[in-house]
Amino acid sequence: MPPDNAATVAPGTDVNFPQDGPSNGTIIRTGPSMFNLPAIGTYQVLFQVSVTEAGQLMLTLNGADLAYTAVGRATGTSEIAGMALVQTTVINSVLTVRNPAGNSTALTLTPLAGGTRPVSAHLIITQVA
């Protein structure tokens, strides 16, 4: 998260995941916030992002909001976490985690949650079928 990531995520924009973790090499990053799903199929997607205020996040596929993936919280200062199955119908689909357009608040990404070390955001994508 900050300083590796932008301090806020405005409504209608995507969360950046600035550092790579382990990968099998088939699902690849195509930008700071975009991930390529190379094959037609079903993917299990898990994400968590530490934010300061109430808000929502959702997945997008090829730029379109996946309404059934919206998750959020009304109060508190912890993570917003979500999980969903995403089905692709074309090869090389692009997945993102987005602060949905129309939300009233930019989300402040929490740099140091509960300690002195920067906290991370997580995105796990697994092809299941």
Foldseek 3Di string as FASTA:
>chain_A
DPPQFDQWADAPGFGFQRDDDDDPPQWAAPDRFKIWAFDFAKKKKKKKFFWAFWAWKFKDKQSHTPVVFIWTDHGDGGITITIDIDGDDDGGIMMGIGRHHPDPDITGGDQDPPDDHGDGIDMDMGGDD
